[in-house]
Amino acid sequence: MKSSVLTRYRVMAYVTAVMLLILCACMVAKYGFDKGEGLTLVVSQVHGVLYIIYLIFAFDLGSKAKWPFGKLLWVLVSGTIPTAAFFVERKVVREVEPLIVKGSPATAKA
């Protein structure tokens, strides 16, 4: 497995998590204070598109890492729970990095 697969996942996990937090703040402003209705619409659409990209990259990583269905589902759903993607991303990195190192060609010692 290439490290680029993990990097793409990591970037999208952070971007999706940050956008979800921004969306939550917009929702509080819209429904709690009757402000920012147009902004909420734009942020929700951007988050939706970014979440779809996150799903593609997470599924790609999961299929290459040969995760069981339950684990893959948890990683995919973590993009919908505020702050969960931050914690899940760290756990995924700890589990997948050794697979990347193990898969890389050994260097010859002189």
PDB file of N, CA and C in Angstrom:
ATOM      1  N   MET A   1       0.845  -1.175   0.000  1.00  0.00           N
ATOM      2  CA  MET A   1       0.000   0.000   0.000  1.00  0.00           C
ATOM      3  C   MET A   1       0.892   1.241   0.000  1.00  0.00           C
ATOM      4  N   LYS A   2       0.484   2.256  -0.732  1.00  0.00           N
ATOM      5  CA  LYS A   2       1.258   3.485  -0.827  1.00  0.00           C
ATOM      6  C   LYS A   2       0.843   4.466   0.264  1.00  0.00           C
ATOM      7  N   SER A   3       1.795   5.276   0.669  1.00  0.00           N
ATOM      8  CA  SER A   3       1.501   6.265   1.709  1.00  0.00           C
ATOM      9  C   SER A   3       0.553   7.341   1.208  1.00  0.00           C
ATOM     10  N   SER A   4       0.458   7.534  -0.120  1.00  0.00           N
ATOM     11  CA  SER A   4      -0.442   8.557  -0.659  1.00  0.00           C
ATOM     12  C   SER A   4      -1.906   8.233  -0.341  1.00  0.00           C
ATOM     13  N   VAL A   5      -2.235   6.954  -0.254  1.00  0.00           N
ATOM     14  CA  VAL A   5      -3.611   6.561   0.098  1.00  0.00           C
ATOM     15  C   VAL A   5      -3.933   7.044   1.510  1.00  0.00           C
ATOM     16  N   LEU A   6      -3.005   6.853   2.429  1.00  0.00           N
ATOM     17  CA  LEU A   6      -3.199   7.296   3.809  1.00  0.00           C
ATOM     18  C   LEU A   6      -3.223   8.822   3.883  1.00  0.00           C
ATOM     19  N   THR A   7      -2.359   9.482   3.147  1.00  0.00           N
ATOM     20  CA  THR A   7      -2.310  10.951   3.165  1.00  0.00           C
ATOM     21  C   THR A   7      -3.612  11.549   2.663  1.00  0.00           C
ATOM     22  N   ARG A   8      -4.145  11.010   1.569  1.00  0.00           N
ATOM     23  CA  ARG A   8      -5.428  11.510   1.050  1.00  0.00           C
ATOM     24  C   ARG A   8      -6.523  11.350   2.095  1.00  0.00           C
ATOM     25  N   TYR A   9      -6.558  10.193   2.739  1.00  0.00           N
ATOM     26  CA  TYR A   9      -7.563   9.956   3.771  1.00  0.00           C
ATOM     27  C   TYR A   9      -7.404  10.959   4.918  1.00  0.00           C
ATOM     28  N   ARG A  10      -6.171  11.148   5.374  1.00  0.00           N
ATOM     29  CA  ARG A  10      -5.922  12.044   6.508  1.00  0.00           C
ATOM     30  C   ARG A  10      -6.362  13.464   6.205  1.00  0.00           C
ATOM     31  N   VAL A  11      -6.012  13.955   5.027  1.00  0.00           N
ATOM     32  CA  VAL A  11      -6.391  15.324   4.649  1.00  0.00           C
ATOM     33  C   VAL A  11      -7.906  15.458   4.637  1.00  0.00           C
ATOM     34  N   MET A  12      -8.572  14.510   4.011  1.00  0.00           N
ATOM     35  CA  MET A  12     -10.027  14.608   3.919  1.00  0.00           C
ATOM     36  C   MET A  12     -10.701  14.402   5.272  1.00  0.00           C
ATOM     37  N   ALA A  13     -10.121  13.599   6.145  1.00  0.00           N
ATOM     38  CA  ALA A  13     -10.688  13.425   7.486  1.00  0.00           C
ATOM     39  C   ALA A  13     -10.663  14.754   8.238  1.00  0.00           C
ATOM     40  N   TYR A  14      -9.538  15.449   8.177  1.00  0.00           N
ATOM     41  CA  TYR A  14      -9.442  16.745   8.861  1.00  0.00           C
ATOM     42  C   TYR A  14     -10.347  17.792   8.216  1.00  0.00           C
ATOM     43  N   VAL A  15     -10.343  17.860   6.897  1.00  0.00           N
ATOM     44  CA  VAL A  15     -11.176  18.851   6.204  1.00  0.00           C
ATOM     45  C   VAL A  15     -12.647  18.608   6.498  1.00  0.00           C
ATOM     46  N   THR A  16     -13.065  17.358   6.442  1.00  0.00           N
ATOM     47  CA  THR A  16     -14.463  17.025   6.709  1.00  0.00           C
ATOM     48  C   THR A  16     -14.837  17.353   8.150  1.00  0.00           C
ATOM     49  N   ALA A  17     -13.960  17.033   9.084  1.00  0.00           N
ATOM     50  CA  ALA A  17     -14.247  17.304  10.492  1.00  0.00           C
ATOM     51  C   ALA A  17     -14.348  18.799  10.764  1.00  0.00           C
ATOM     52  N   VAL A  18     -13.439  19.580  10.185  1.00  0.00           N
ATOM     53  CA  VAL A  18     -13.477  21.031  10.384  1.00  0.00           C
ATOM     54  C   VAL A  18     -14.737  21.614   9.752  1.00  0.00           C
ATOM     55  N   MET A  19     -15.074  21.168   8.548  1.00  0.00           N
ATOM     56  CA  MET A  19     -16.284  21.677   7.891  1.00  0.00           C
ATOM     57  C   MET A  19     -17.540  21.311   8.670  1.00  0.00           C
ATOM     58  N   LEU A  20     -17.551  20.135   9.285  1.00  0.00           N
ATOM     59  CA  LEU A  20     -18.709  19.749  10.086  1.00  0.00           C
ATOM     60  C   LEU A  20     -18.841  20.645  11.324  1.00  0.00           C
ATOM     61  N   LEU A  21     -17.723  20.990  11.928  1.00  0.00           N
ATOM     62  CA  LEU A  21     -17.772  21.904  13.076  1.00  0.00           C
ATOM     63  C   LEU A  21     -18.257  23.289  12.652  1.00  0.00           C
ATOM     64  N   ILE A  22     -17.792  23.746  11.488  1.00  0.00           N
ATOM     65  CA  ILE A  22     -18.259  25.033  10.970  1.00  0.00           C
ATOM     66  C   ILE A  22     -19.762  24.966  10.679  1.00  0.00           C
ATOM     67  N   LEU A  23     -20.194  23.860  10.105  1.00  0.00           N
ATOM     68  CA  LEU A  23     -21.622  23.684   9.831  1.00  0.00           C
ATOM     69  C   LEU A  23     -22.442  23.705  11.118  1.00  0.00           C
ATOM     70  N   CYS A  24     -21.949  23.055  12.154  1.00  0.00           N
ATOM     71  CA  CYS A  24     -22.662  23.063  13.445  1.00  0.00           C
ATOM     72  C   CYS A  24     -22.775  24.481  13.990  1.00  0.00           C
ATOM     73  N   ALA A  25     -21.700  25.274  13.861  1.00  0.00           N
ATOM     74  CA  ALA A  25     -21.745  26.664  14.319  1.00  0.00           C
ATOM     75  C   ALA A  25     -22.752  27.468  13.503  1.00  0.00           C
ATOM     76  N   CYS A  26     -22.787  27.213  12.202  1.00  0.00           N
ATOM     77  CA  CYS A  26     -23.765  27.907  11.343  1.00  0.00           C
ATOM     78  C   CYS A  26     -25.191  27.530  11.720  1.00  0.00           C
ATOM     79  N   MET A  27     -25.403  26.273  12.056  1.00  0.00           N
ATOM     80  CA  MET A  27     -26.750  25.832  12.443  1.00  0.00           C
ATOM     81  C   MET A  27     -27.191  26.501  13.752  1.00  0.00           C
ATOM     82  N   VAL A  28     -26.256  26.636  14.688  1.00  0.00           N
ATOM     83  CA  VAL A  28     -26.578  27.323  15.941  1.00  0.00           C
ATOM     84  C   VAL A  28     -26.934  28.781  15.652  1.00  0.00           C
ATOM     85  N   ALA A  29     -26.155  29.412  14.767  1.00  0.00           N
ATOM     86  CA  ALA A  29     -26.441  30.813  14.424  1.00  0.00           C
ATOM     87  C   ALA A  29     -27.794  30.933  13.727  1.00  0.00           C
ATOM     88  N   LYS A  30     -28.086  29.992  12.827  1.00  0.00           N
ATOM     89  CA  LYS A  30     -29.340  30.065  12.068  1.00  0.00           C
ATOM     90  C   LYS A  30     -30.566  29.814  12.943  1.00  0.00           C
ATOM     91  N   TYR A  31     -30.532  28.710  13.688  1.00  0.00           N
ATOM     92  CA  TYR A  31     -31.723  28.332  14.455  1.00  0.00           C
ATOM     93  C   TYR A  31     -31.766  28.926  15.855  1.00  0.00           C
ATOM     94  N   GLY A  32     -30.618  29.280  16.398  1.00  0.00           N
ATOM     95  CA  GLY A  32     -30.595  29.858  17.734  1.00  0.00           C
ATOM     96  C   GLY A  32     -30.730  31.362  17.743  1.00  0.00           C
ATOM     97  N   PHE A  33     -30.196  32.009  16.687  1.00  0.00           N
ATOM     98  CA  PHE A  33     -30.165  33.467  16.681  1.00  0.00           C
ATOM     99  C   PHE A  33     -30.755  34.087  15.408  1.00  0.00           C
ATOM    100  N   ASP A  34     -31.360  33.276  14.550  1.00  0.00           N
ATOM    101  CA  ASP A  34     -31.958  33.751  13.288  1.00  0.00           C
ATOM    102  C   ASP A  34     -30.973  34.560  12.437  1.00  0.00           C
ATOM    103  N   LYS A  35     -29.734  34.083  12.366  1.00  0.00           N
ATOM    104  CA  LYS A  35     -28.691  34.760  11.573  1.00  0.00           C
ATOM    105  C   LYS A  35     -28.015  33.743  10.654  1.00  0.00           C
ATOM    106  N   GLY A  36     -27.529  34.201   9.528  1.00  0.00           N
ATOM    107  CA  GLY A  36     -26.680  33.378   8.664  1.00  0.00           C
ATOM    108  C   GLY A  36     -27.378  32.281   7.898  1.00  0.00           C
ATOM    109  N   GLU A  37     -28.611  32.511   7.450  1.00  0.00           N
ATOM    110  CA  GLU A  37     -29.348  31.474   6.727  1.00  0.00           C
ATOM    111  C   GLU A  37     -28.658  31.117   5.411  1.00  0.00           C
ATOM    112  N   GLY A  38     -28.207  32.125   4.664  1.00  0.00           N
ATOM    113  CA  GLY A  38     -27.532  31.872   3.388  1.00  0.00           C
ATOM    114  C   GLY A  38     -26.198  31.165   3.578  1.00  0.00           C
ATOM    115  N   LEU A  39     -25.480  31.557   4.618  1.00  0.00           N
ATOM    116  CA  LEU A  39     -24.192  30.927   4.902  1.00  0.00           C
ATOM    117  C   LEU A  39     -24.369  29.459   5.260  1.00  0.00           C
ATOM    118  N   THR A  40     -25.394  29.145   6.016  1.00  0.00           N
ATOM    119  CA  THR A  40     -25.660  27.758   6.393  1.00  0.00           C
ATOM    120  C   THR A  40     -25.912  26.899   5.162  1.00  0.00           C
ATOM    121  N   LEU A  41     -26.639  27.428   4.207  1.00  0.00           N
ATOM    122  CA  LEU A  41     -26.914  26.693   2.976  1.00  0.00           C
ATOM    123  C   LEU A  41     -25.618  26.385   2.220  1.00  0.00           C
ATOM    124  N   VAL A  42     -24.770  27.380   2.077  1.00  0.00           N
ATOM    125  CA  VAL A  42     -23.507  27.191   1.354  1.00  0.00           C
ATOM    126  C   VAL A  42     -22.599  26.213   2.091  1.00  0.00           C
ATOM    127  N   VAL A  43     -22.446  26.390   3.392  1.00  0.00           N
ATOM    128  CA  VAL A  43     -21.567  25.517   4.177  1.00  0.00           C
ATOM    129  C   VAL A  43     -22.080  24.081   4.152  1.00  0.00           C
ATOM    130  N   SER A  44     -23.389  23.890   4.230  1.00  0.00           N
ATOM    131  CA  SER A  44     -23.928  22.523   4.216  1.00  0.00           C
ATOM    132  C   SER A  44     -23.673  21.845   2.874  1.00  0.00           C
ATOM    133  N   GLN A  45     -23.784  22.582   1.780  1.00  0.00           N
ATOM    134  CA  GLN A  45     -23.519  21.996   0.467  1.00  0.00           C
ATOM    135  C   GLN A  45     -22.041  21.677   0.279  1.00  0.00           C
ATOM    136  N   VAL A  46     -21.168  22.563   0.734  1.00  0.00           N
ATOM    137  CA  VAL A  46     -19.723  22.307   0.642  1.00  0.00           C
ATOM    138  C   VAL A  46     -19.356  21.095   1.492  1.00  0.00           C
ATOM    139  N   HIS A  47     -19.891  21.031   2.699  1.00  0.00           N
ATOM    140  CA  HIS A  47     -19.613  19.871   3.557  1.00  0.00           C
ATOM    141  C   HIS A  47     -20.106  18.581   2.899  1.00  0.00           C
ATOM    142  N   GLY A  48     -21.255  18.622   2.273  1.00  0.00           N
ATOM    143  CA  GLY A  48     -21.787  17.429   1.609  1.00  0.00           C
ATOM    144  C   GLY A  48     -20.865  16.921   0.520  1.00  0.00           C
ATOM    145  N   VAL A  49     -20.366  17.825  -0.310  1.00  0.00           N
ATOM    146  CA  VAL A  49     -19.444  17.434  -1.381  1.00  0.00           C
ATOM    147  C   VAL A  49     -18.138  16.894  -0.797  1.00  0.00           C
ATOM    148  N   LEU A  50     -17.617  17.580   0.204  1.00  0.00           N
ATOM    149  CA  LEU A  50     -16.369  17.124   0.833  1.00  0.00           C
ATOM    150  C   LEU A  50     -16.547  15.776   1.528  1.00  0.00           C
ATOM    151  N   TYR A  51     -17.720  15.549   2.107  1.00  0.00           N
ATOM    152  CA  TYR A  51     -17.983  14.272   2.762  1.00  0.00           C
ATOM    153  C   TYR A  51     -18.017  13.133   1.745  1.00  0.00           C
ATOM    154  N   ILE A  52     -18.552  13.391   0.568  1.00  0.00           N
ATOM    155  CA  ILE A  52     -18.552  12.364  -0.479  1.00  0.00           C
ATOM    156  C   ILE A  52     -17.110  12.020  -0.878  1.00  0.00           C
ATOM    157  N   ILE A  53     -16.267  13.024  -1.004  1.00  0.00           N
ATOM    158  CA  ILE A  53     -14.849  12.777  -1.314  1.00  0.00           C
ATOM    159  C   ILE A  53     -14.204  11.990  -0.176  1.00  0.00           C
ATOM    160  N   TYR A  54     -14.515  12.366   1.068  1.00  0.00           N
ATOM    161  CA  TYR A  54     -14.011  11.630   2.231  1.00  0.00           C
ATOM    162  C   TYR A  54     -14.425  10.159   2.164  1.00  0.00           C
ATOM    163  N   LEU A  55     -15.684   9.904   1.829  1.00  0.00           N
ATOM    164  CA  LEU A  55     -16.169   8.526   1.726  1.00  0.00           C
ATOM    165  C   LEU A  55     -15.370   7.730   0.699  1.00  0.00           C
ATOM    166  N   ILE A  56     -15.095   8.339  -0.438  1.00  0.00           N
ATOM    167  CA  ILE A  56     -14.329   7.655  -1.486  1.00  0.00           C
ATOM    168  C   ILE A  56     -12.930   7.327  -0.996  1.00  0.00           C
ATOM    169  N   PHE A  57     -12.248   8.291  -0.389  1.00  0.00           N
ATOM    170  CA  PHE A  57     -10.870   8.062   0.072  1.00  0.00           C
ATOM    171  C   PHE A  57     -10.821   7.077   1.244  1.00  0.00           C
ATOM    172  N   ALA A  58     -11.796   7.162   2.158  1.00  0.00           N
ATOM    173  CA  ALA A  58     -11.831   6.232   3.289  1.00  0.00           C
ATOM    174  C   ALA A  58     -12.121   4.818   2.806  1.00  0.00           C
ATOM    175  N   PHE A  59     -13.036   4.679   1.857  1.00  0.00           N
ATOM    176  CA  PHE A  59     -13.337   3.365   1.306  1.00  0.00           C
ATOM    177  C   PHE A  59     -12.128   2.790   0.580  1.00  0.00           C
ATOM    178  N   ASP A  60     -11.408   3.628  -0.156  1.00  0.00           N
ATOM    179  CA  ASP A  60     -10.197   3.192  -0.850  1.00  0.00           C
ATOM    180  C   ASP A  60      -9.158   2.693   0.156  1.00  0.00           C
ATOM    181  N   LEU A  61      -8.944   3.448   1.216  1.00  0.00           N
ATOM    182  CA  LEU A  61      -7.988   3.034   2.244  1.00  0.00           C
ATOM    183  C   LEU A  61      -8.434   1.743   2.909  1.00  0.00           C
ATOM    184  N   GLY A  62      -9.720   1.661   3.248  1.00  0.00           N
ATOM    185  CA  GLY A  62     -10.237   0.466   3.908  1.00  0.00           C
ATOM    186  C   GLY A  62     -10.125  -0.779   3.053  1.00  0.00           C
ATOM    187  N   SER A  63     -10.367  -0.632   1.768  1.00  0.00           N
ATOM    188  CA  SER A  63     -10.266  -1.804   0.893  1.00  0.00           C
ATOM    189  C   SER A  63      -8.818  -2.242   0.720  1.00  0.00           C
ATOM    190  N   LYS A  64      -7.906  -1.297   0.676  1.00  0.00           N
ATOM    191  CA  LYS A  64      -6.487  -1.654   0.541  1.00  0.00           C
ATOM    192  C   LYS A  64      -5.913  -2.201   1.844  1.00  0.00           C
ATOM    193  N   ALA A  65      -6.432  -1.742   2.975  1.00  0.00           N
ATOM    194  CA  ALA A  65      -5.981  -2.247   4.278  1.00  0.00           C
ATOM    195  C   ALA A  65      -6.729  -3.510   4.681  1.00  0.00           C
ATOM    196  N   LYS A  66      -7.728  -3.905   3.869  1.00  0.00           N
ATOM    197  CA  LYS A  66      -8.527  -5.118   4.105  1.00  0.00           C
ATOM    198  C   LYS A  66      -9.235  -5.091   5.466  1.00  0.00           C
ATOM    199  N   TRP A  67      -9.905  -3.957   5.738  1.00  0.00           N
ATOM    200  CA  TRP A  67     -10.659  -3.831   6.975  1.00  0.00           C
ATOM    201  C   TRP A  67     -11.931  -4.656   6.904  1.00  0.00           C
ATOM    202  N   PRO A  68     -12.379  -5.187   8.046  1.00  0.00           N
ATOM    203  CA  PRO A  68     -13.695  -5.830   8.071  1.00  0.00           C
ATOM    204  C   PRO A  68     -14.792  -4.773   7.885  1.00  0.00           C
ATOM    205  N   PHE A  69     -15.972  -5.222   7.497  1.00  0.00           N
ATOM    206  CA  PHE A  69     -17.067  -4.297   7.174  1.00  0.00           C
ATOM    207  C   PHE A  69     -17.402  -3.361   8.341  1.00  0.00           C
ATOM    208  N   GLY A  70     -17.444  -3.877   9.556  1.00  0.00           N
ATOM    209  CA  GLY A  70     -17.802  -3.058  10.716  1.00  0.00           C
ATOM    210  C   GLY A  70     -16.832  -1.904  10.933  1.00  0.00           C
ATOM    211  N   LYS A  71     -15.550  -2.171  10.783  1.00  0.00           N
ATOM    212  CA  LYS A  71     -14.551  -1.119  10.962  1.00  0.00           C
ATOM    213  C   LYS A  71     -14.672  -0.082   9.851  1.00  0.00           C
ATOM    214  N   LEU A  72     -14.848  -0.548   8.622  1.00  0.00           N
ATOM    215  CA  LEU A  72     -15.001   0.368   7.498  1.00  0.00           C
ATOM    216  C   LEU A  72     -16.224   1.258   7.704  1.00  0.00           C
ATOM    217  N   LEU A  73     -17.311   0.666   8.146  1.00  0.00           N
ATOM    218  CA  LEU A  73     -18.532   1.432   8.385  1.00  0.00           C
ATOM    219  C   LEU A  73     -18.308   2.499   9.452  1.00  0.00           C
ATOM    220  N   TRP A  74     -17.613   2.150  10.539  1.00  0.00           N
ATOM    221  CA  TRP A  74     -17.347   3.121  11.606  1.00  0.00           C
ATOM    222  C   TRP A  74     -16.513   4.284  11.076  1.00  0.00           C
ATOM    223  N   VAL A  75     -15.495   4.007  10.262  1.00  0.00           N
ATOM    224  CA  VAL A  75     -14.658   5.069   9.706  1.00  0.00           C
ATOM    225  C   VAL A  75     -15.489   5.953   8.775  1.00  0.00           C
ATOM    226  N   LEU A  76     -16.354   5.363   7.980  1.00  0.00           N
ATOM    227  CA  LEU A  76     -17.190   6.140   7.066  1.00  0.00           C
ATOM    228  C   LEU A  76     -18.178   7.022   7.825  1.00  0.00           C
ATOM    229  N   VAL A  77     -18.773   6.497   8.875  1.00  0.00           N
ATOM    230  CA  VAL A  77     -19.770   7.248   9.649  1.00  0.00           C
ATOM    231  C   VAL A  77     -19.121   8.336  10.509  1.00  0.00           C
ATOM    232  N   SER A  78     -17.853   8.171  10.855  1.00  0.00           N
ATOM    233  CA  SER A  78     -17.205   9.154  11.731  1.00  0.00           C
ATOM    234  C   SER A  78     -17.173  10.551  11.122  1.00  0.00           C
ATOM    235  N   GLY A  79     -17.327  10.660   9.817  1.00  0.00           N
ATOM    236  CA  GLY A  79     -17.384  11.974   9.184  1.00  0.00           C
ATOM    237  C   GLY A  79     -18.693  12.704   9.419  1.00  0.00           C
ATOM    238  N   THR A  80     -19.656  12.046  10.049  1.00  0.00           N
ATOM    239  CA  THR A  80     -20.954  12.678  10.315  1.00  0.00           C
ATOM    240  C   THR A  80     -21.132  13.044  11.782  1.00  0.00           C
ATOM    241  N   ILE A  81     -20.172  12.679  12.617  1.00  0.00           N
ATOM    242  CA  ILE A  81     -20.262  12.955  14.054  1.00  0.00           C
ATOM    243  C   ILE A  81     -19.223  14.023  14.395  1.00  0.00           C
ATOM    244  N   PRO A  82     -19.666  15.194  14.882  1.00  0.00           N
ATOM    245  CA  PRO A  82     -18.700  16.253  15.179  1.00  0.00           C
ATOM    246  C   PRO A  82     -17.567  15.760  16.085  1.00  0.00           C
ATOM    247  N   THR A  83     -16.373  16.050  15.721  1.00  0.00           N
ATOM    248  CA  THR A  83     -15.090  15.724  16.375  1.00  0.00           C
ATOM    249  C   THR A  83     -14.688  14.241  16.289  1.00  0.00           C
ATOM    250  N   ALA A  84     -15.586  13.353  15.898  1.00  0.00           N
ATOM    251  CA  ALA A  84     -15.230  11.922  15.852  1.00  0.00           C
ATOM    252  C   ALA A  84     -14.136  11.641  14.827  1.00  0.00           C
ATOM    253  N   ALA A  85     -14.177  12.338  13.706  1.00  0.00           N
ATOM    254  CA  ALA A  85     -13.190  12.082  12.650  1.00  0.00           C
ATOM    255  C   ALA A  85     -11.768  12.363  13.131  1.00  0.00           C
ATOM    256  N   PHE A  86     -11.592  13.318  14.036  1.00  0.00           N
ATOM    257  CA  PHE A  86     -10.252  13.603  14.560  1.00  0.00           C
ATOM    258  C   PHE A  86      -9.698  12.389  15.304  1.00  0.00           C
ATOM    259  N   PHE A  87     -10.521  11.783  16.143  1.00  0.00           N
ATOM    260  CA  PHE A  87     -10.076  10.649  16.942  1.00  0.00           C
ATOM    261  C   PHE A  87      -9.923   9.384  16.098  1.00  0.00           C
ATOM    262  N   VAL A  88     -10.861   9.163  15.202  1.00  0.00           N
ATOM    263  CA  VAL A  88     -10.798   7.981  14.339  1.00  0.00           C
ATOM    264  C   VAL A  88      -9.585   8.072  13.416  1.00  0.00           C
ATOM    265  N   GLU A  89      -9.295   9.268  12.922  1.00  0.00           N
ATOM    266  CA  GLU A  89      -8.146   9.454  12.034  1.00  0.00           C
ATOM    267  C   GLU A  89      -6.850   9.060  12.740  1.00  0.00           C
ATOM    268  N   ARG A  90      -6.684   9.472  13.974  1.00  0.00           N
ATOM    269  CA  ARG A  90      -5.458   9.135  14.722  1.00  0.00           C
ATOM    270  C   ARG A  90      -5.342   7.625  14.897  1.00  0.00           C
ATOM    271  N   LYS A  91      -6.427   6.968  15.214  1.00  0.00           N
ATOM    272  CA  LYS A  91      -6.414   5.521  15.393  1.00  0.00           C
ATOM    273  C   LYS A  91      -6.097   4.810  14.081  1.00  0.00           C
ATOM    274  N   VAL A  92      -6.691   5.278  12.996  1.00  0.00           N
ATOM    275  CA  VAL A  92      -6.440   4.679  11.683  1.00  0.00           C
ATOM    276  C   VAL A  92      -4.972   4.824  11.303  1.00  0.00           C
ATOM    277  N   VAL A  93      -4.405   5.994  11.529  1.00  0.00           N
ATOM    278  CA  VAL A  93      -2.992   6.222  11.187  1.00  0.00           C
ATOM    279  C   VAL A  93      -2.097   5.262  11.961  1.00  0.00           C
ATOM    280  N   ARG A  94      -2.361   5.092  13.252  1.00  0.00           N
ATOM    281  CA  ARG A  94      -1.542   4.165  14.056  1.00  0.00           C
ATOM    282  C   ARG A  94      -1.629   2.735  13.546  1.00  0.00           C
ATOM    283  N   GLU A  95      -2.766   2.359  13.015  1.00  0.00           N
ATOM    284  CA  GLU A  95      -2.935   0.990  12.515  1.00  0.00           C
ATOM    285  C   GLU A  95      -2.409   0.801  11.099  1.00  0.00           C
ATOM    286  N   VAL A  96      -2.498   1.820  10.262  1.00  0.00           N
ATOM    287  CA  VAL A  96      -2.160   1.666   8.852  1.00  0.00           C
ATOM    288  C   VAL A  96      -0.687   1.957   8.568  1.00  0.00           C
ATOM    289  N   GLU A  97      -0.067   2.869   9.307  1.00  0.00           N
ATOM    290  CA  GLU A  97       1.343   3.195   9.040  1.00  0.00           C
ATOM    291  C   GLU A  97       2.256   1.975   9.050  1.00  0.00           C
ATOM    292  N   PRO A  98       2.117   1.040   9.996  1.00  0.00           N
ATOM    293  CA  PRO A  98       2.978  -0.159   9.939  1.00  0.00           C
ATOM    294  C   PRO A  98       2.766  -0.982   8.668  1.00  0.00           C
ATOM    295  N   LEU A  99       1.559  -0.982   8.129  1.00  0.00           N
ATOM    296  CA  LEU A  99       1.302  -1.708   6.879  1.00  0.00           C
ATOM    297  C   LEU A  99       2.045  -1.067   5.711  1.00  0.00           C
ATOM    298  N   ILE A 100       2.148   0.250   5.738  1.00  0.00           N
ATOM    299  CA  ILE A 100       2.851   0.963   4.675  1.00  0.00           C
ATOM    300  C   ILE A 100       4.345   0.688   4.771  1.00  0.00           C
ATOM    301  N   VAL A 101       4.881   0.736   5.990  1.00  0.00           N
ATOM    302  CA  VAL A 101       6.311   0.480   6.187  1.00  0.00           C
ATOM    303  C   VAL A 101       6.634  -0.964   5.818  1.00  0.00           C
ATOM    304  N   LYS A 102       5.787  -1.882   6.232  1.00  0.00           N
ATOM    305  CA  LYS A 102       6.008  -3.299   5.930  1.00  0.00           C
ATOM    306  C   LYS A 102       5.944  -3.567   4.431  1.00  0.00           C
ATOM    307  N   GLY A 103       5.113  -2.824   3.736  1.00  0.00           N
ATOM    308  CA  GLY A 103       4.960  -3.010   2.307  1.00  0.00           C
ATOM    309  C   GLY A 103       6.045  -2.359   1.479  1.00  0.00           C
ATOM    310  N   SER A 104       6.847  -1.478   2.082  1.00  0.00           N
ATOM    311  CA  SER A 104       7.883  -0.799   1.316  1.00  0.00           C
ATOM    312  C   SER A 104       9.097  -1.704   1.151  1.00  0.00           C
ATOM    313  N   PRO A 105       9.827  -1.549   0.065  1.00  0.00           N
ATOM    314  CA  PRO A 105      11.000  -2.410  -0.146  1.00  0.00           C
ATOM    315  C   PRO A 105      12.072  -2.143   0.891  1.00  0.00           C
ATOM    316  N   ALA A 106      12.733  -3.189   1.312  1.00  0.00           N
ATOM    317  CA  ALA A 106      13.785  -3.059   2.313  1.00  0.00           C
ATOM    318  C   ALA A 106      15.000  -2.375   1.686  1.00  0.00           C
ATOM    319  N   THR A 107      15.632  -1.546   2.483  1.00  0.00           N
ATOM    320  CA  THR A 107      16.837  -0.882   1.993  1.00  0.00           C
ATOM    321  C   THR A 107      18.038  -1.747   2.315  1.00  0.00           C
ATOM    322  N   ALA A 108      18.999  -1.756   1.412  1.00  0.00           N
ATOM    323  CA  ALA A 108      20.213  -2.581   1.603  1.00  0.00           C
ATOM    324  C   ALA A 108      21.176  -1.842   2.514  1.00  0.00           C
ATOM    325  N   LYS A 109      21.766  -2.567   3.441  1.00  0.00           N
ATOM    326  CA  LYS A 109      22.747  -1.977   4.351  1.00  0.00           C
ATOM    327  C   LYS A 109      24.137  -2.216   3.793  1.00  0.00           C
ATOM    328  N   ALA A 110      24.968  -1.204   3.855  1.00  0.00           N
ATOM    329  CA  ALA A 110      26.320  -1.317   3.319  1.00  0.00           C
ATOM    330  C   ALA A 110      27.276  -1.847   4.343  1.00  0.00           C
TER     331      ALA A 110
END
